[in-house]
């Protein structure tokens, strides 16, 4: 497995991460009003979208460091565009990136397999739930039933929604030719 980053990989990942950062900013501003209407548990479906900042870069390139790089670029763009969540989103992005890095390092060694995606979708929510519990006491402060719902929906979203979106975006990018030479399109 080649570990050296290429300029094309860095540029493509940075561009994808920047677009994700714009999407996150729009989602951030809609999150609070929507959660007031739809409820905390329902809004946890968005967690799978938030995992994209780390999952997408790693799935595209499949080299150590790209999940954290993508997550931090996304967080930087998100911050510069005025996310109401401030520096906490940098910590969340880093934790999601770390989760994806671990998942790809310990299972199927950077193959982008379903095992890599599923383990990423398990570790990401665990790491971010630890942050949430440490800083805000959530989801445990909601009560047992809501906390259980939050955890279940977050895991579902991180495993299923993230995997579907990553695969769809990768297929769309591959059709443009921008991923030529990337491991994700090699047979």
Protein backbone atom coordinates (compact mmCIF):
# COMPACT_ATOMS: atom_id res chain seq x y z
CA UNK A 1 0.00 0.00 0.00
CA UNK A 2 1.44 3.33 -1.03
CA UNK A 3 1.30 5.87 1.78
CA UNK A 4 2.66 8.93 -0.03
CA UNK A 5 0.07 11.62 -0.72
CA UNK A 6 -0.18 12.94 -4.27
CA UNK A 7 -1.03 16.53 -5.11
CA UNK A 8 -4.13 15.39 -6.98
CA UNK A 9 -5.38 13.43 -3.96
CA UNK A 10 -4.88 16.40 -1.65
CA UNK A 11 -6.60 18.82 -4.06
CA UNK A 12 -9.57 16.54 -4.78
CA UNK A 13 -10.09 15.77 -1.09
CA UNK A 14 -9.78 19.45 -0.16
CA UNK A 15 -12.36 20.40 -2.80
CA UNK A 16 -14.77 17.65 -1.74
CA UNK A 17 -14.27 18.59 1.93
CA UNK A 18 -14.91 22.27 1.16
CA UNK A 19 -18.20 21.42 -0.55
CA UNK A 20 -19.16 19.27 2.44
CA UNK A 21 -18.29 22.24 4.68
CA UNK A 22 -20.76 24.43 2.76
CA UNK A 23 -23.44 21.74 3.07
CA UNK A 24 -22.73 21.44 6.81
CA UNK A 25 -23.13 25.19 7.29
CA UNK A 26 -26.56 25.10 5.64
CA UNK A 27 -27.49 22.05 7.69
CA UNK A 28 -26.19 23.67 10.89
CA UNK A 29 -28.49 26.66 10.49
CA UNK A 30 -31.48 24.42 9.78
CA UNK A 31 -30.71 21.90 12.54
CA UNK A 32 -32.00 23.79 15.61
CA UNK A 33 -35.35 24.93 14.13
CA UNK A 34 -35.93 21.49 12.61
CA UNK A 35 -35.04 19.67 15.81
CA UNK A 36 -37.58 21.83 17.67
CA UNK A 37 -40.25 20.67 15.21
CA UNK A 38 -39.15 17.10 14.47
CA UNK A 39 -37.56 16.16 17.79
CA UNK A 40 -34.12 15.22 19.01
CA UNK A 41 -34.23 11.56 18.03
CA UNK A 42 -35.44 12.25 14.49
CA UNK A 43 -32.70 14.83 13.95
CA UNK A 44 -30.06 12.22 14.77
CA UNK A 45 -30.65 10.94 11.24
CA UNK A 46 -28.38 13.80 10.16
CA UNK A 47 -25.40 12.22 11.94
CA UNK A 48 -24.71 10.11 8.86
CA UNK A 49 -24.36 13.31 6.83
CA UNK A 50 -21.97 14.73 9.41
CA UNK A 51 -19.79 11.60 9.13
CA UNK A 52 -19.13 12.44 5.46
CA UNK A 53 -16.31 14.87 6.29
CA UNK A 54 -14.15 11.93 7.39
CA UNK A 55 -15.71 8.95 5.61
CA UNK A 56 -15.72 10.44 2.10
CA UNK A 57 -12.02 11.41 1.90
CA UNK A 58 -10.85 8.08 3.31
CA UNK A 59 -13.08 6.08 0.97
CA UNK A 60 -11.79 8.05 -2.03
CA UNK A 61 -8.06 7.88 -1.25
CA UNK A 62 -7.66 5.01 1.25
CA UNK A 63 -4.41 6.21 2.75
CA UNK A 64 -3.62 7.06 6.37
CA UNK A 65 -4.36 10.65 7.33
CA UNK A 66 -7.01 11.50 4.76
CA UNK A 67 -10.01 11.07 7.09
CA UNK A 68 -8.61 13.56 9.60
CA UNK A 69 -7.42 15.89 6.82
CA UNK A 70 -10.86 15.91 5.18
CA UNK A 71 -12.67 16.38 8.49
CA UNK A 72 -10.45 19.33 9.46
CA UNK A 73 -10.80 21.03 6.05
CA UNK A 74 -14.57 20.63 6.31
CA UNK A 75 -14.55 22.04 9.85
CA UNK A 76 -12.41 24.99 8.74
CA UNK A 77 -14.77 25.87 5.89
CA UNK A 78 -17.76 25.36 8.19
CA UNK A 79 -16.24 27.75 10.76
CA UNK A 80 -15.31 30.36 8.16
CA UNK A 81 -18.88 30.34 6.85
CA UNK A 82 -20.22 31.07 10.32
CA UNK A 83 -21.40 27.80 11.80
CA UNK A 84 -23.17 28.47 15.09
CA UNK A 85 -21.37 25.51 16.68
CA UNK A 86 -17.90 27.05 16.82
CA UNK A 87 -14.83 25.10 17.79
CA UNK A 88 -16.83 22.10 19.02
CA UNK A 89 -17.33 21.11 15.40
CA UNK A 90 -13.55 20.93 14.96
CA UNK A 91 -13.39 18.49 17.87
CA UNK A 92 -16.31 16.46 16.48
CA UNK A 93 -14.69 16.38 13.04
CA UNK A 94 -11.37 15.29 14.49
CA UNK A 95 -13.04 12.53 16.52
CA UNK A 96 -14.97 11.30 13.46
CA UNK A 97 -11.74 11.40 11.44
CA UNK A 98 -9.90 9.45 14.13
CA UNK A 99 -12.69 6.86 14.18
CA UNK A 100 -12.48 6.39 10.41
CA UNK A 101 -8.68 6.24 10.52
CA UNK A 102 -8.83 3.48 13.14
CA UNK A 103 -11.53 1.56 11.25
CA UNK A 104 -9.48 1.55 8.04
CA UNK A 105 -6.23 0.69 9.84
CA UNK A 106 -7.48 -2.31 11.80
CA UNK A 107 -9.89 -3.98 9.36
CA UNK A 108 -9.07 -4.83 5.72
CA UNK A 109 -6.12 -2.38 5.68
CA UNK A 110 -7.47 0.56 3.67
CA UNK A 111 -9.50 -1.47 1.16
CA UNK A 112 -12.68 0.60 1.46
CA UNK A 113 -14.59 -2.57 2.22
CA UNK A 114 -18.01 -2.79 3.78
CA UNK A 115 -16.20 -3.78 7.00
CA UNK A 116 -14.26 -0.48 6.88
CA UNK A 117 -17.46 1.49 6.37
CA UNK A 118 -19.43 -0.34 9.07
CA UNK A 119 -16.66 -0.09 11.67
CA UNK A 120 -16.32 3.62 10.85
CA UNK A 121 -20.06 3.95 11.38
CA UNK A 122 -19.75 2.29 14.78
CA UNK A 123 -16.67 4.11 16.07
CA UNK A 124 -17.69 7.59 14.85
CA UNK A 125 -20.86 7.79 16.95
CA UNK A 126 -19.09 6.28 19.97
CA UNK A 127 -16.32 8.90 19.85
CA UNK A 128 -18.73 11.81 19.35
CA UNK A 129 -21.13 10.49 22.02
CA UNK A 130 -18.18 10.55 24.44
CA UNK A 131 -17.60 14.21 23.58
CA UNK A 132 -21.31 14.98 23.94
CA UNK A 133 -21.48 13.25 27.32
CA UNK A 134 -18.33 15.01 28.57
CA UNK A 135 -19.35 18.55 27.56
CA UNK A 136 -23.15 18.50 27.80
CA UNK A 137 -24.20 15.27 29.47
CA UNK A 138 -26.20 14.35 26.37
CA UNK A 139 -27.84 12.18 25.32
CA UNK A 140 -28.10 10.78 28.86
CA UNK A 141 -29.63 14.01 30.19
CA UNK A 142 -32.68 13.47 27.94
CA UNK A 143 -33.87 10.45 29.91
CA UNK A 144 -33.47 6.76 29.18
CA UNK A 145 -36.00 6.40 26.34
CA UNK A 146 -34.82 9.44 24.38
CA UNK A 147 -31.14 8.61 25.02
CA UNK A 148 -31.69 5.09 23.69
CA UNK A 149 -33.46 6.50 20.63
CA UNK A 150 -30.64 8.99 20.01
CA UNK A 151 -27.98 6.28 20.22
CA UNK A 152 -29.86 3.81 18.01
CA UNK A 153 -30.71 6.37 15.33
CA UNK A 154 -27.18 7.81 15.38
CA UNK A 155 -25.65 4.37 14.80
CA UNK A 156 -28.17 3.58 12.07
CA UNK A 157 -27.47 6.88 10.33
CA UNK A 158 -23.69 6.57 10.63
CA UNK A 159 -23.66 3.04 9.24
CA UNK A 160 -26.44 3.06 6.63
CA UNK A 161 -26.83 6.68 5.52
CA UNK A 162 -23.10 7.42 5.42
CA UNK A 163 -22.38 4.26 3.41
CA UNK A 164 -25.10 5.02 0.86
CA UNK A 165 -24.06 8.66 0.42
CA UNK A 166 -20.36 7.80 0.15
CA UNK A 167 -21.06 5.18 -2.53
CA UNK A 168 -23.39 7.50 -4.52
CA UNK A 169 -20.98 10.46 -4.44
CA UNK A 170 -18.02 8.25 -5.35
CA UNK A 171 -19.92 6.83 -8.34
CA UNK A 172 -20.86 10.34 -9.49
CA UNK A 173 -17.30 11.64 -9.12
CA UNK A 174 -15.92 8.59 -10.94
CA UNK A 175 -18.13 9.38 -13.95
CA UNK A 176 -16.50 12.80 -14.24
CA UNK A 177 -13.02 11.27 -14.47
CA UNK A 178 -11.69 13.27 -11.53
CA UNK A 179 -10.96 10.05 -9.63
CA UNK A 180 -8.81 8.51 -12.36
CA UNK A 181 -5.93 6.74 -10.62
CA UNK A 182 -7.63 6.72 -7.22
CA UNK A 183 -7.89 3.39 -5.42
CA UNK A 184 -11.68 3.73 -5.10
CA UNK A 185 -12.14 3.31 -8.88
CA UNK A 186 -9.47 0.69 -9.51
CA UNK A 187 -10.70 -2.85 -10.02
